[in-house]
Amino acid sequence: MPSLNSVTLIGHAGKDAESKDTAGGKKYVRFAIATSENWKDKAGEWQEKTTWHNVTYWGELYKMPQKGDLVLVQGKYESNKKDDKVFYGVSAFNVKVLAENEPKGKPKQSAPQSKADDDDMLNF
């Protein structure tokens, strides 16, 4: 049976991206982005939930995401079991997004954005 592991995220970088090298000299970039959803609860009050996503991109980036930048990431989820971490009899997992394309985005702006600015988000 076919399967699909695909994720597209648009969110804000939580801190500046870090470029690293493996022991074998292969380059990768790590950063985290936050996505948020908003809704009204039964009492009519606005609620917000933020989810953090750890992102790894193998290779070098033309433009490194900076804290606050709006970023588009396309890739797949990957989880690794952490055998040394067990909570209530259940092994912990490290979940991350492997970016398959160079993440794109738009630098954080201090002035409010207009609708026209949202249309060119991908011109990072």
PDB file of N, CA and C in Angstrom:
ATOM      1  N   MET A   1       0.840  -1.176   0.000  1.00  0.00           N
ATOM      2  CA  MET A   1       0.000   0.000   0.000  1.00  0.00           C
ATOM      3  C   MET A   1       0.892   1.248   0.000  1.00  0.00           C
ATOM      4  N   PRO A   2       0.622   2.228  -0.866  1.00  0.00           N
ATOM      5  CA  PRO A   2       1.438   3.449  -0.905  1.00  0.00           C
ATOM      6  C   PRO A   2       1.240   4.285   0.360  1.00  0.00           C
ATOM      7  N   SER A   3       2.229   5.099   0.644  1.00  0.00           N
ATOM      8  CA  SER A   3       2.139   6.004   1.789  1.00  0.00           C
ATOM      9  C   SER A   3       2.774   7.339   1.420  1.00  0.00           C
ATOM     10  N   LEU A   4       2.567   8.328   2.262  1.00  0.00           N
ATOM     11  CA  LEU A   4       3.076   9.668   1.998  1.00  0.00           C
ATOM     12  C   LEU A   4       3.486  10.311   3.307  1.00  0.00           C
ATOM     13  N   ASN A   5       4.676  10.879   3.348  1.00  0.00           N
ATOM     14  CA  ASN A   5       5.167  11.639   4.496  1.00  0.00           C
ATOM     15  C   ASN A   5       5.572  12.998   3.952  1.00  0.00           C
ATOM     16  N   SER A   6       4.676  13.956   4.077  1.00  0.00           N
ATOM     17  CA  SER A   6       4.908  15.284   3.515  1.00  0.00           C
ATOM     18  C   SER A   6       4.372  16.332   4.479  1.00  0.00           C
ATOM     19  N   VAL A   7       5.140  17.400   4.673  1.00  0.00           N
ATOM     20  CA  VAL A   7       4.706  18.475   5.555  1.00  0.00           C
ATOM     21  C   VAL A   7       5.083  19.808   4.926  1.00  0.00           C
ATOM     22  N   THR A   8       4.166  20.769   5.031  1.00  0.00           N
ATOM     23  CA  THR A   8       4.409  22.146   4.613  1.00  0.00           C
ATOM     24  C   THR A   8       4.070  23.027   5.806  1.00  0.00           C
ATOM     25  N   LEU A   9       5.023  23.833   6.230  1.00  0.00           N
ATOM     26  CA  LEU A   9       4.835  24.696   7.385  1.00  0.00           C
ATOM     27  C   LEU A   9       5.147  26.140   7.013  1.00  0.00           C
ATOM     28  N   ILE A  10       4.347  27.052   7.503  1.00  0.00           N
ATOM     29  CA  ILE A  10       4.622  28.478   7.402  1.00  0.00           C
ATOM     30  C   ILE A  10       4.571  29.013   8.825  1.00  0.00           C
ATOM     31  N   GLY A  11       5.678  29.551   9.283  1.00  0.00           N
ATOM     32  CA  GLY A  11       5.744  30.049  10.654  1.00  0.00           C
ATOM     33  C   GLY A  11       6.923  30.980  10.816  1.00  0.00           C
ATOM     34  N   HIS A  12       7.155  31.381  12.049  1.00  0.00           N
ATOM     35  CA  HIS A  12       8.230  32.324  12.345  1.00  0.00           C
ATOM     36  C   HIS A  12       9.399  31.601  13.008  1.00  0.00           C
ATOM     37  N   ALA A  13      10.621  31.931  12.576  1.00  0.00           N
ATOM     38  CA  ALA A  13      11.823  31.349  13.170  1.00  0.00           C
ATOM     39  C   ALA A  13      11.929  31.795  14.629  1.00  0.00           C
ATOM     40  N   GLY A  14      12.224  30.851  15.523  1.00  0.00           N
ATOM     41  CA  GLY A  14      12.313  31.146  16.945  1.00  0.00           C
ATOM     42  C   GLY A  14      13.650  31.719  17.359  1.00  0.00           C
ATOM     43  N   LYS A  15      14.694  31.437  16.574  1.00  0.00           N
ATOM     44  CA  LYS A  15      16.022  31.995  16.812  1.00  0.00           C
ATOM     45  C   LYS A  15      16.796  31.897  15.508  1.00  0.00           C
ATOM     46  N   ASP A  16      17.970  32.505  15.462  1.00  0.00           N
ATOM     47  CA  ASP A  16      18.780  32.454  14.252  1.00  0.00           C
ATOM     48  C   ASP A  16      19.173  31.012  13.941  1.00  0.00           C
ATOM     49  N   ALA A  17      19.155  30.660  12.648  1.00  0.00           N
ATOM     50  CA  ALA A  17      19.548  29.318  12.221  1.00  0.00           C
ATOM     51  C   ALA A  17      21.033  29.096  12.502  1.00  0.00           C
ATOM     52  N   GLU A  18      21.393  27.836  12.773  1.00  0.00           N
ATOM     53  CA  GLU A  18      22.781  27.463  13.039  1.00  0.00           C
ATOM     54  C   GLU A  18      23.268  26.521  11.957  1.00  0.00           C
ATOM     55  N   SER A  19      24.425  26.830  11.378  1.00  0.00           N
ATOM     56  CA  SER A  19      25.060  25.966  10.391  1.00  0.00           C
ATOM     57  C   SER A  19      26.082  25.090  11.109  1.00  0.00           C
ATOM     58  N   LYS A  20      26.073  23.800  10.811  1.00  0.00           N
ATOM     59  CA  LYS A  20      26.980  22.855  11.473  1.00  0.00           C
ATOM     60  C   LYS A  20      27.580  21.926  10.428  1.00  0.00           C
ATOM     61  N   ASP A  21      28.600  21.183  10.852  1.00  0.00           N
ATOM     62  CA  ASP A  21      29.241  20.159  10.019  1.00  0.00           C
ATOM     63  C   ASP A  21      29.226  18.839  10.781  1.00  0.00           C
ATOM     64  N   THR A  22      29.001  17.745  10.055  1.00  0.00           N
ATOM     65  CA  THR A  22      29.118  16.431  10.670  1.00  0.00           C
ATOM     66  C   THR A  22      30.607  16.095  10.793  1.00  0.00           C
ATOM     67  N   ALA A  23      30.930  15.017  11.500  1.00  0.00           N
ATOM     68  CA  ALA A  23      32.321  14.577  11.626  1.00  0.00           C
ATOM     69  C   ALA A  23      32.911  14.276  10.247  1.00  0.00           C
ATOM     70  N   GLY A  24      32.059  13.876   9.311  1.00  0.00           N
ATOM     71  CA  GLY A  24      32.512  13.573   7.956  1.00  0.00           C
ATOM     72  C   GLY A  24      32.568  14.788   7.041  1.00  0.00           C
ATOM     73  N   GLY A  25      32.250  15.966   7.574  1.00  0.00           N
ATOM     74  CA  GLY A  25      32.350  17.194   6.782  1.00  0.00           C
ATOM     75  C   GLY A  25      31.090  17.580   6.028  1.00  0.00           C
ATOM     76  N   LYS A  26      29.978  16.870   6.238  1.00  0.00           N
ATOM     77  CA  LYS A  26      28.727  17.208   5.559  1.00  0.00           C
ATOM     78  C   LYS A  26      28.049  18.360   6.304  1.00  0.00           C
ATOM     79  N   LYS A  27      27.611  19.387   5.567  1.00  0.00           N
ATOM     80  CA  LYS A  27      27.000  20.569   6.173  1.00  0.00           C
ATOM     81  C   LYS A  27      25.492  20.385   6.350  1.00  0.00           C
ATOM     82  N   TYR A  28      24.981  20.982   7.445  1.00  0.00           N
ATOM     83  CA  TYR A  28      23.544  21.021   7.674  1.00  0.00           C
ATOM     84  C   TYR A  28      23.208  22.268   8.466  1.00  0.00           C
ATOM     85  N   VAL A  29      21.924  22.646   8.394  1.00  0.00           N
ATOM     86  CA  VAL A  29      21.428  23.828   9.096  1.00  0.00           C
ATOM     87  C   VAL A  29      20.276  23.393   9.984  1.00  0.00           C
ATOM     88  N   ARG A  30      20.252  23.919  11.222  1.00  0.00           N
ATOM     89  CA  ARG A  30      19.163  23.618  12.161  1.00  0.00           C
ATOM     90  C   ARG A  30      18.531  24.920  12.627  1.00  0.00           C
ATOM     91  N   PHE A  31      17.208  24.888  12.749  1.00  0.00           N
ATOM     92  CA  PHE A  31      16.466  26.003  13.322  1.00  0.00           C
ATOM     93  C   PHE A  31      15.092  25.506  13.708  1.00  0.00           C
ATOM     94  N   ALA A  32      14.341  26.321  14.420  1.00  0.00           N
ATOM     95  CA  ALA A  32      12.988  25.964  14.841  1.00  0.00           C
ATOM     96  C   ALA A  32      12.034  27.049  14.371  1.00  0.00           C
ATOM     97  N   ILE A  33      10.841  26.632  13.960  1.00  0.00           N
ATOM     98  CA  ILE A  33       9.800  27.602  13.619  1.00  0.00           C
ATOM     99  C   ILE A  33       8.562  27.320  14.452  1.00  0.00           C
ATOM    100  N   ALA A  34       7.808  28.381  14.687  1.00  0.00           N
ATOM    101  CA  ALA A  34       6.568  28.280  15.451  1.00  0.00           C
ATOM    102  C   ALA A  34       5.389  28.488  14.523  1.00  0.00           C
ATOM    103  N   THR A  35       4.407  27.613  14.641  1.00  0.00           N
ATOM    104  CA  THR A  35       3.129  27.813  13.949  1.00  0.00           C
ATOM    105  C   THR A  35       2.072  27.990  15.025  1.00  0.00           C
ATOM    106  N   SER A  36       1.094  28.834  14.754  1.00  0.00           N
ATOM    107  CA  SER A  36       0.053  29.113  15.740  1.00  0.00           C
ATOM    108  C   SER A  36      -1.321  28.959  15.122  1.00  0.00           C
ATOM    109  N   GLU A  37      -2.260  28.532  15.949  1.00  0.00           N
ATOM    110  CA  GLU A  37      -3.660  28.493  15.535  1.00  0.00           C
ATOM    111  C   GLU A  37      -4.482  29.228  16.578  1.00  0.00           C
ATOM    112  N   ASN A  38      -5.506  29.928  16.129  1.00  0.00           N
ATOM    113  CA  ASN A  38      -6.371  30.720  16.999  1.00  0.00           C
ATOM    114  C   ASN A  38      -7.816  30.262  16.846  1.00  0.00           C
ATOM    115  N   TRP A  39      -8.572  30.299  17.959  1.00  0.00           N
ATOM    116  CA  TRP A  39      -9.975  29.937  17.935  1.00  0.00           C
ATOM    117  C   TRP A  39     -10.673  30.585  19.115  1.00  0.00           C
ATOM    118  N   LYS A  40     -11.988  30.638  19.032  1.00  0.00           N
ATOM    119  CA  LYS A  40     -12.788  31.120  20.151  1.00  0.00           C
ATOM    120  C   LYS A  40     -13.282  29.918  20.943  1.00  0.00           C
ATOM    121  N   ASP A  41     -13.143  29.999  22.274  1.00  0.00           N
ATOM    122  CA  ASP A  41     -13.627  28.915  23.122  1.00  0.00           C
ATOM    123  C   ASP A  41     -15.132  29.064  23.350  1.00  0.00           C
ATOM    124  N   LYS A  42     -15.706  28.174  24.140  1.00  0.00           N
ATOM    125  CA  LYS A  42     -17.154  28.189  24.379  1.00  0.00           C
ATOM    126  C   LYS A  42     -17.634  29.480  25.018  1.00  0.00           C
ATOM    127  N   ALA A  43     -16.742  30.157  25.758  1.00  0.00           N
ATOM    128  CA  ALA A  43     -17.086  31.424  26.404  1.00  0.00           C
ATOM    129  C   ALA A  43     -16.901  32.617  25.464  1.00  0.00           C
ATOM    130  N   GLY A  44     -16.480  32.358  24.229  1.00  0.00           N
ATOM    131  CA  GLY A  44     -16.275  33.437  23.263  1.00  0.00           C
ATOM    132  C   GLY A  44     -14.931  34.134  23.380  1.00  0.00           C
ATOM    133  N   GLU A  45     -14.028  33.590  24.196  1.00  0.00           N
ATOM    134  CA  GLU A  45     -12.693  34.175  24.379  1.00  0.00           C
ATOM    135  C   GLU A  45     -11.728  33.590  23.346  1.00  0.00           C
ATOM    136  N   TRP A  46     -10.858  34.450  22.811  1.00  0.00           N
ATOM    137  CA  TRP A  46      -9.863  33.981  21.852  1.00  0.00           C
ATOM    138  C   TRP A  46      -8.787  33.179  22.569  1.00  0.00           C
ATOM    139  N   GLN A  47      -8.441  32.044  21.989  1.00  0.00           N
ATOM    140  CA  GLN A  47      -7.382  31.171  22.492  1.00  0.00           C
ATOM    141  C   GLN A  47      -6.336  31.023  21.391  1.00  0.00           C
ATOM    142  N   GLU A  48      -5.099  30.733  21.794  1.00  0.00           N
ATOM    143  CA  GLU A  48      -4.025  30.516  20.829  1.00  0.00           C
ATOM    144  C   GLU A  48      -3.177  29.342  21.283  1.00  0.00           C
ATOM    145  N   LYS A  49      -2.817  28.499  20.327  1.00  0.00           N
ATOM    146  CA  LYS A  49      -1.915  27.380  20.602  1.00  0.00           C
ATOM    147  C   LYS A  49      -0.746  27.482  19.635  1.00  0.00           C
ATOM    148  N   THR A  50       0.466  27.477  20.184  1.00  0.00           N
ATOM    149  CA  THR A  50       1.672  27.542  19.364  1.00  0.00           C
ATOM    150  C   THR A  50       2.361  26.190  19.407  1.00  0.00           C
ATOM    151  N   THR A  51       2.759  25.699  18.241  1.00  0.00           N
ATOM    152  CA  THR A  51       3.499  24.446  18.135  1.00  0.00           C
ATOM    153  C   THR A  51       4.872  24.753  17.560  1.00  0.00           C
ATOM    154  N   TRP A  52       5.911  24.215  18.193  1.00  0.00           N
ATOM    155  CA  TRP A  52       7.283  24.407  17.730  1.00  0.00           C
ATOM    156  C   TRP A  52       7.719  23.209  16.905  1.00  0.00           C
ATOM    157  N   HIS A  53       8.408  23.482  15.792  1.00  0.00           N
ATOM    158  CA  HIS A  53       8.880  22.445  14.882  1.00  0.00           C
ATOM    159  C   HIS A  53      10.394  22.595  14.715  1.00  0.00           C
ATOM    160  N   ASN A  54      11.134  21.537  15.015  1.00  0.00           N
ATOM    161  CA  ASN A  54      12.579  21.529  14.773  1.00  0.00           C
ATOM    162  C   ASN A  54      12.818  21.158  13.321  1.00  0.00           C
ATOM    163  N   VAL A  55      13.651  21.946  12.635  1.00  0.00           N
ATOM    164  CA  VAL A  55      13.896  21.757  11.204  1.00  0.00           C
ATOM    165  C   VAL A  55      15.382  21.506  10.974  1.00  0.00           C
ATOM    166  N   THR A  56      15.680  20.524  10.123  1.00  0.00           N
ATOM    167  CA  THR A  56      17.050  20.265   9.677  1.00  0.00           C
ATOM    168  C   THR A  56      17.065  20.322   8.163  1.00  0.00           C
ATOM    169  N   TYR A  57      18.024  21.070   7.624  1.00  0.00           N
ATOM    170  CA  TYR A  57      18.220  21.138   6.169  1.00  0.00           C
ATOM    171  C   TYR A  57      19.644  20.687   5.890  1.00  0.00           C
ATOM    172  N   TRP A  58      19.799  19.641   5.069  1.00  0.00           N
ATOM    173  CA  TRP A  58      21.130  19.134   4.728  1.00  0.00           C
ATOM    174  C   TRP A  58      21.683  19.927   3.566  1.00  0.00           C
ATOM    175  N   GLY A  59      22.790  20.593   3.791  1.00  0.00           N
ATOM    176  CA  GLY A  59      23.441  21.425   2.788  1.00  0.00           C
ATOM    177  C   GLY A  59      23.610  22.833   3.329  1.00  0.00           C
ATOM    178  N   GLU A  60      23.962  23.750   2.434  1.00  0.00           N
ATOM    179  CA  GLU A  60      24.131  25.148   2.817  1.00  0.00           C
ATOM    180  C   GLU A  60      22.925  25.938   2.327  1.00  0.00           C
ATOM    181  N   LEU A  61      22.563  26.973   3.060  1.00  0.00           N
ATOM    182  CA  LEU A  61      21.450  27.834   2.671  1.00  0.00           C
ATOM    183  C   LEU A  61      21.972  29.138   2.090  1.00  0.00           C
ATOM    184  N   TYR A  62      21.314  29.609   1.056  1.00  0.00           N
ATOM    185  CA  TYR A  62      21.636  30.899   0.465  1.00  0.00           C
ATOM    186  C   TYR A  62      21.348  32.009   1.467  1.00  0.00           C
ATOM    187  N   LYS A  63      20.214  31.910   2.159  1.00  0.00           N
ATOM    188  CA  LYS A  63      19.797  32.907   3.151  1.00  0.00           C
ATOM    189  C   LYS A  63      19.421  32.165   4.422  1.00  0.00           C
ATOM    190  N   MET A  64      20.149  32.433   5.490  1.00  0.00           N
ATOM    191  CA  MET A  64      19.884  31.773   6.769  1.00  0.00           C
ATOM    192  C   MET A  64      18.719  32.463   7.477  1.00  0.00           C
ATOM    193  N   PRO A  65      17.695  31.710   7.910  1.00  0.00           N
ATOM    194  CA  PRO A  65      16.598  32.324   8.656  1.00  0.00           C
ATOM    195  C   PRO A  65      17.097  32.971   9.951  1.00  0.00           C
ATOM    196  N   GLN A  66      16.580  34.145  10.235  1.00  0.00           N
ATOM    197  CA  GLN A  66      16.900  34.876  11.459  1.00  0.00           C
ATOM    198  C   GLN A  66      15.665  34.864  12.355  1.00  0.00           C
ATOM    199  N   LYS A  67      15.877  35.068  13.645  1.00  0.00           N
ATOM    200  CA  LYS A  67      14.781  35.085  14.602  1.00  0.00           C
ATOM    201  C   LYS A  67      13.689  36.053  14.143  1.00  0.00           C
ATOM    202  N   GLY A  68      12.441  35.573  14.101  1.00  0.00           N
ATOM    203  CA  GLY A  68      11.302  36.392  13.717  1.00  0.00           C
ATOM    204  C   GLY A  68      10.942  36.331  12.249  1.00  0.00           C
ATOM    205  N   ASP A  69      11.849  35.834  11.390  1.00  0.00           N
ATOM    206  CA  ASP A  69      11.552  35.742   9.955  1.00  0.00           C
ATOM    207  C   ASP A  69      10.370  34.805   9.717  1.00  0.00           C
ATOM    208  N   LEU A  70       9.525  35.169   8.763  1.00  0.00           N
ATOM    209  CA  LEU A  70       8.447  34.291   8.320  1.00  0.00           C
ATOM    210  C   LEU A  70       9.053  33.303   7.333  1.00  0.00           C
ATOM    211  N   VAL A  71       8.875  32.000   7.589  1.00  0.00           N
ATOM    212  CA  VAL A  71       9.573  30.969   6.820  1.00  0.00           C
ATOM    213  C   VAL A  71       8.590  29.919   6.307  1.00  0.00           C
ATOM    214  N   LEU A  72       8.786  29.504   5.059  1.00  0.00           N
ATOM    215  CA  LEU A  72       8.052  28.391   4.458  1.00  0.00           C
ATOM    216  C   LEU A  72       9.000  27.208   4.377  1.00  0.00           C
ATOM    217  N   VAL A  73       8.595  26.069   4.959  1.00  0.00           N
ATOM    218  CA  VAL A  73       9.407  24.857   4.938  1.00  0.00           C
ATOM    219  C   VAL A  73       8.574  23.739   4.337  1.00  0.00           C
ATOM    220  N   GLN A  74       9.149  23.021   3.377  1.00  0.00           N
ATOM    221  CA  GLN A  74       8.514  21.832   2.805  1.00  0.00           C
ATOM    222  C   GLN A  74       9.467  20.668   3.005  1.00  0.00           C
ATOM    223  N   GLY A  75       8.945  19.567   3.499  1.00  0.00           N
ATOM    224  CA  GLY A  75       9.797  18.416   3.748  1.00  0.00           C
ATOM    225  C   GLY A  75       9.004  17.240   4.256  1.00  0.00           C
ATOM    226  N   LYS A  76       9.616  16.486   5.166  1.00  0.00           N
ATOM    227  CA  LYS A  76       8.957  15.314   5.733  1.00  0.00           C
ATOM    228  C   LYS A  76       9.303  15.219   7.211  1.00  0.00           C
ATOM    229  N   TYR A  77       8.431  14.550   7.972  1.00  0.00           N
ATOM    230  CA  TYR A  77       8.678  14.325   9.388  1.00  0.00           C
ATOM    231  C   TYR A  77       9.589  13.116   9.552  1.00  0.00           C
ATOM    232  N   GLU A  78      10.463  13.200  10.545  1.00  0.00           N
ATOM    233  CA  GLU A  78      11.317  12.073  10.903  1.00  0.00           C
ATOM    234  C   GLU A  78      11.352  11.997  12.426  1.00  0.00           C
ATOM    235  N   SER A  79      11.240  10.804  12.977  1.00  0.00           N
ATOM    236  CA  SER A  79      11.330  10.644  14.424  1.00  0.00           C
ATOM    237  C   SER A  79      12.390   9.601  14.746  1.00  0.00           C
ATOM    238  N   ASN A  80      13.082   9.836  15.834  1.00  0.00           N
ATOM    239  CA  ASN A  80      14.102   8.908  16.313  1.00  0.00           C
ATOM    240  C   ASN A  80      13.776   8.534  17.741  1.00  0.00           C
ATOM    241  N   LYS A  81      13.760   7.239  18.023  1.00  0.00           N
ATOM    242  CA  LYS A  81      13.479   6.762  19.365  1.00  0.00           C
ATOM    243  C   LYS A  81      14.690   7.038  20.254  1.00  0.00           C
ATOM    244  N   LYS A  82      14.424   7.559  21.437  1.00  0.00           N
ATOM    245  CA  LYS A  82      15.490   7.840  22.411  1.00  0.00           C
ATOM    246  C   LYS A  82      15.430   6.764  23.485  1.00  0.00           C
ATOM    247  N   ASP A  83      16.222   5.714  23.306  1.00  0.00           N
ATOM    248  CA  ASP A  83      16.183   4.571  24.219  1.00  0.00           C
ATOM    249  C   ASP A  83      16.564   4.937  25.647  1.00  0.00           C
ATOM    250  N   ASP A  84      17.358   5.988  25.813  1.00  0.00           N
ATOM    251  CA  ASP A  84      17.791   6.366  27.153  1.00  0.00           C
ATOM    252  C   ASP A  84      16.757   7.207  27.899  1.00  0.00           C
ATOM    253  N   LYS A  85      15.655   7.578  27.228  1.00  0.00           N
ATOM    254  CA  LYS A  85      14.617   8.400  27.863  1.00  0.00           C
ATOM    255  C   LYS A  85      13.301   7.636  27.851  1.00  0.00           C
ATOM    256  N   VAL A  86      12.860   7.204  29.020  1.00  0.00           N
ATOM    257  CA  VAL A  86      11.607   6.477  29.151  1.00  0.00           C
ATOM    258  C   VAL A  86      10.756   7.178  30.205  1.00  0.00           C
ATOM    259  N   PHE A  87       9.514   7.519  29.838  1.00  0.00           N
ATOM    260  CA  PHE A  87       8.585   8.181  30.744  1.00  0.00           C
ATOM    261  C   PHE A  87       7.360   7.304  30.914  1.00  0.00           C
ATOM    262  N   TYR A  88       7.098   6.891  32.130  1.00  0.00           N
ATOM    263  CA  TYR A  88       5.946   6.044  32.446  1.00  0.00           C
ATOM    264  C   TYR A  88       5.919   4.790  31.567  1.00  0.00           C
ATOM    265  N   GLY A  89       7.089   4.215  31.333  1.00  0.00           N
ATOM    266  CA  GLY A  89       7.186   2.987  30.557  1.00  0.00           C
ATOM    267  C   GLY A  89       7.141   3.169  29.049  1.00  0.00           C
ATOM    268  N   VAL A  90       7.099   4.416  28.578  1.00  0.00           N
ATOM    269  CA  VAL A  90       7.030   4.686  27.142  1.00  0.00           C
ATOM    270  C   VAL A  90       8.295   5.414  26.703  1.00  0.00           C
ATOM    271  N   SER A  91       8.929   4.928  25.639  1.00  0.00           N
ATOM    272  CA  SER A  91      10.136   5.568  25.128  1.00  0.00           C
ATOM    273  C   SER A  91       9.811   6.931  24.533  1.00  0.00           C
ATOM    274  N   ALA A  92      10.715   7.879  24.728  1.00  0.00           N
ATOM    275  CA  ALA A  92      10.554   9.220  24.160  1.00  0.00           C
ATOM    276  C   ALA A  92      11.042   9.226  22.717  1.00  0.00           C
ATOM    277  N   PHE A  93      10.504  10.128  21.927  1.00  0.00           N
ATOM    278  CA  PHE A  93      10.903  10.275  20.544  1.00  0.00           C
ATOM    279  C   PHE A  93      11.310  11.712  20.274  1.00  0.00           C
ATOM    280  N   ASN A  94      12.297  11.891  19.427  1.00  0.00           N
ATOM    281  CA  ASN A  94      12.698  13.196  18.943  1.00  0.00           C
ATOM    282  C   ASN A  94      12.100  13.338  17.546  1.00  0.00           C
ATOM    283  N   VAL A  95      11.221  14.315  17.361  1.00  0.00           N
ATOM    284  CA  VAL A  95      10.563  14.507  16.070  1.00  0.00           C
ATOM    285  C   VAL A  95      11.106  15.776  15.432  1.00  0.00           C
ATOM    286  N   LYS A  96      11.455  15.691  14.150  1.00  0.00           N
ATOM    287  CA  LYS A  96      11.938  16.871  13.437  1.00  0.00           C
ATOM    288  C   LYS A  96      11.429  16.845  12.007  1.00  0.00           C
ATOM    289  N   VAL A  97      11.527  17.993  11.369  1.00  0.00           N
ATOM    290  CA  VAL A  97      11.168  18.117   9.957  1.00  0.00           C
ATOM    291  C   VAL A  97      12.456  18.144   9.157  1.00  0.00           C
ATOM    292  N   LEU A  98      12.582  17.263   8.166  1.00  0.00           N
ATOM    293  CA  LEU A  98      13.706  17.302   7.240  1.00  0.00           C
ATOM    294  C   LEU A  98      13.270  18.121   6.037  1.00  0.00           C
ATOM    295  N   ALA A  99      13.834  19.311   5.888  1.00  0.00           N
ATOM    296  CA  ALA A  99      13.473  20.189   4.777  1.00  0.00           C
ATOM    297  C   ALA A  99      14.043  19.608   3.494  1.00  0.00           C
ATOM    298  N   GLU A 100      13.194  19.444   2.490  1.00  0.00           N
ATOM    299  CA  GLU A 100      13.628  18.865   1.225  1.00  0.00           C
ATOM    300  C   GLU A 100      13.980  19.934   0.197  1.00  0.00           C
ATOM    301  N   ASN A 101      13.481  21.136   0.397  1.00  0.00           N
ATOM    302  CA  ASN A 101      13.813  22.272  -0.460  1.00  0.00           C
ATOM    303  C   ASN A 101      14.426  23.324   0.435  1.00  0.00           C
ATOM    304  N   GLU A 102      15.196  24.228  -0.146  1.00  0.00           N
ATOM    305  CA  GLU A 102      15.733  25.318   0.664  1.00  0.00           C
ATOM    306  C   GLU A 102      14.582  26.128   1.229  1.00  0.00           C
ATOM    307  N   PRO A 103      14.518  26.285   2.568  1.00  0.00           N
ATOM    308  CA  PRO A 103      13.437  27.072   3.155  1.00  0.00           C
ATOM    309  C   PRO A 103      13.410  28.484   2.583  1.00  0.00           C
ATOM    310  N   LYS A 104      12.212  28.977   2.367  1.00  0.00           N
ATOM    311  CA  LYS A 104      12.039  30.307   1.800  1.00  0.00           C
ATOM    312  C   LYS A 104      11.306  31.156   2.820  1.00  0.00           C
ATOM    313  N   GLY A 105      11.442  32.434   2.707  1.00  0.00           N
ATOM    314  CA  GLY A 105      10.745  33.263   3.670  1.00  0.00           C
ATOM    315  C   GLY A 105      10.898  34.738   3.411  1.00  0.00           C
ATOM    316  N   LYS A 106      10.576  35.485   4.432  1.00  0.00           N
ATOM    317  CA  LYS A 106      10.590  36.931   4.363  1.00  0.00           C
ATOM    318  C   LYS A 106      11.109  37.459   5.681  1.00  0.00           C
ATOM    319  N   PRO A 107      12.075  38.363   5.652  1.00  0.00           N
ATOM    320  CA  PRO A 107      12.587  38.899   6.918  1.00  0.00           C
ATOM    321  C   PRO A 107      11.496  39.572   7.726  1.00  0.00           C
ATOM    322  N   LYS A 108      11.674  39.537   9.035  1.00  0.00           N
ATOM    323  CA  LYS A 108      10.748  40.196   9.951  1.00  0.00           C
ATOM    324  C   LYS A 108      10.757  41.691   9.662  1.00  0.00           C
ATOM    325  N   GLN A 109       9.575  42.293   9.677  1.00  0.00           N
ATOM    326  CA  GLN A 109       9.448  43.727   9.450  1.00  0.00           C
ATOM    327  C   GLN A 109       8.928  44.372  10.712  1.00  0.00           C
ATOM    328  N   SER A 110       9.427  45.568  11.019  1.00  0.00           N
ATOM    329  CA  SER A 110       8.958  46.246  12.219  1.00  0.00           C
ATOM    330  C   SER A 110       7.644  46.967  11.989  1.00  0.00           C
ATOM    331  N   ALA A 111       7.371  47.392  10.752  1.00  0.00           N
ATOM    332  CA  ALA A 111       6.115  48.073  10.435  1.00  0.00           C
ATOM    333  C   ALA A 111       5.038  47.043  10.134  1.00  0.00           C
ATOM    334  N   PRO A 112       3.758  47.364  10.388  1.00  0.00           N
ATOM    335  CA  PRO A 112       2.681  46.424  10.054  1.00  0.00           C
ATOM    336  C   PRO A 112       2.697  46.098   8.559  1.00  0.00           C
ATOM    337  N   GLN A 113       2.376  44.859   8.255  1.00  0.00           N
ATOM    338  CA  GLN A 113       2.363  44.419   6.868  1.00  0.00           C
ATOM    339  C   GLN A 113       1.004  44.667   6.248  1.00  0.00           C
ATOM    340  N   SER A 114       1.025  44.998   4.972  1.00  0.00           N
ATOM    341  CA  SER A 114      -0.222  45.112   4.227  1.00  0.00           C
ATOM    342  C   SER A 114      -0.506  43.778   3.558  1.00  0.00           C
ATOM    343  N   LYS A 115      -1.691  43.609   3.026  1.00  0.00           N
ATOM    344  CA  LYS A 115      -2.053  42.384   2.320  1.00  0.00           C
ATOM    345  C   LYS A 115      -1.120  42.161   1.143  1.00  0.00           C
ATOM    346  N   ALA A 116      -0.704  43.220   0.467  1.00  0.00           N
ATOM    347  CA  ALA A 116       0.196  43.092  -0.675  1.00  0.00           C
ATOM    348  C   ALA A 116       1.521  42.472  -0.253  1.00  0.00           C
ATOM    349  N   ASP A 117       2.009  42.769   0.965  1.00  0.00           N
ATOM    350  CA  ASP A 117       3.262  42.200   1.435  1.00  0.00           C
ATOM    351  C   ASP A 117       3.152  40.694   1.617  1.00  0.00           C
ATOM    352  N   ASP A 118       1.990  40.182   2.017  1.00  0.00           N
ATOM    353  CA  ASP A 118       1.818  38.753   2.197  1.00  0.00           C
ATOM    354  C   ASP A 118       1.970  38.004   0.881  1.00  0.00           C
ATOM    355  N   ASP A 119       1.616  38.631  -0.230  1.00  0.00           N
ATOM    356  CA  ASP A 119       1.692  37.964  -1.524  1.00  0.00           C
ATOM    357  C   ASP A 119       3.117  37.648  -1.943  1.00  0.00           C
ATOM    358  N   ASP A 120       4.108  38.406  -1.457  1.00  0.00           N
ATOM    359  CA  ASP A 120       5.485  38.145  -1.879  1.00  0.00           C
ATOM    360  C   ASP A 120       6.314  37.504  -0.767  1.00  0.00           C
ATOM    361  N   MET A 121       5.674  36.777   0.135  1.00  0.00           N
ATOM    362  CA  MET A 121       6.370  36.153   1.248  1.00  0.00           C
ATOM    363  C   MET A 121       7.528  35.270   0.773  1.00  0.00           C
ATOM    364  N   LEU A 122       7.394  34.624  -0.357  1.00  0.00           N
ATOM    365  CA  LEU A 122       8.393  33.680  -0.806  1.00  0.00           C
ATOM    366  C   LEU A 122       9.620  34.346  -1.407  1.00  0.00           C
ATOM    367  N   ASN A 123       9.618  35.656  -1.565  1.00  0.00           N
ATOM    368  CA  ASN A 123      10.771  36.356  -2.116  1.00  0.00           C
ATOM    369  C   ASN A 123      11.748  36.699  -1.008  1.00  0.00           C
ATOM    370  N   PHE A 124      12.363  35.713  -0.413  1.00  0.00           N
ATOM    371  CA  PHE A 124      13.247  35.872   0.742  1.00  0.00           C
ATOM    372  C   PHE A 124      14.624  36.293   0.298  1.00  0.00           C
TER     373      PHE A 124
END
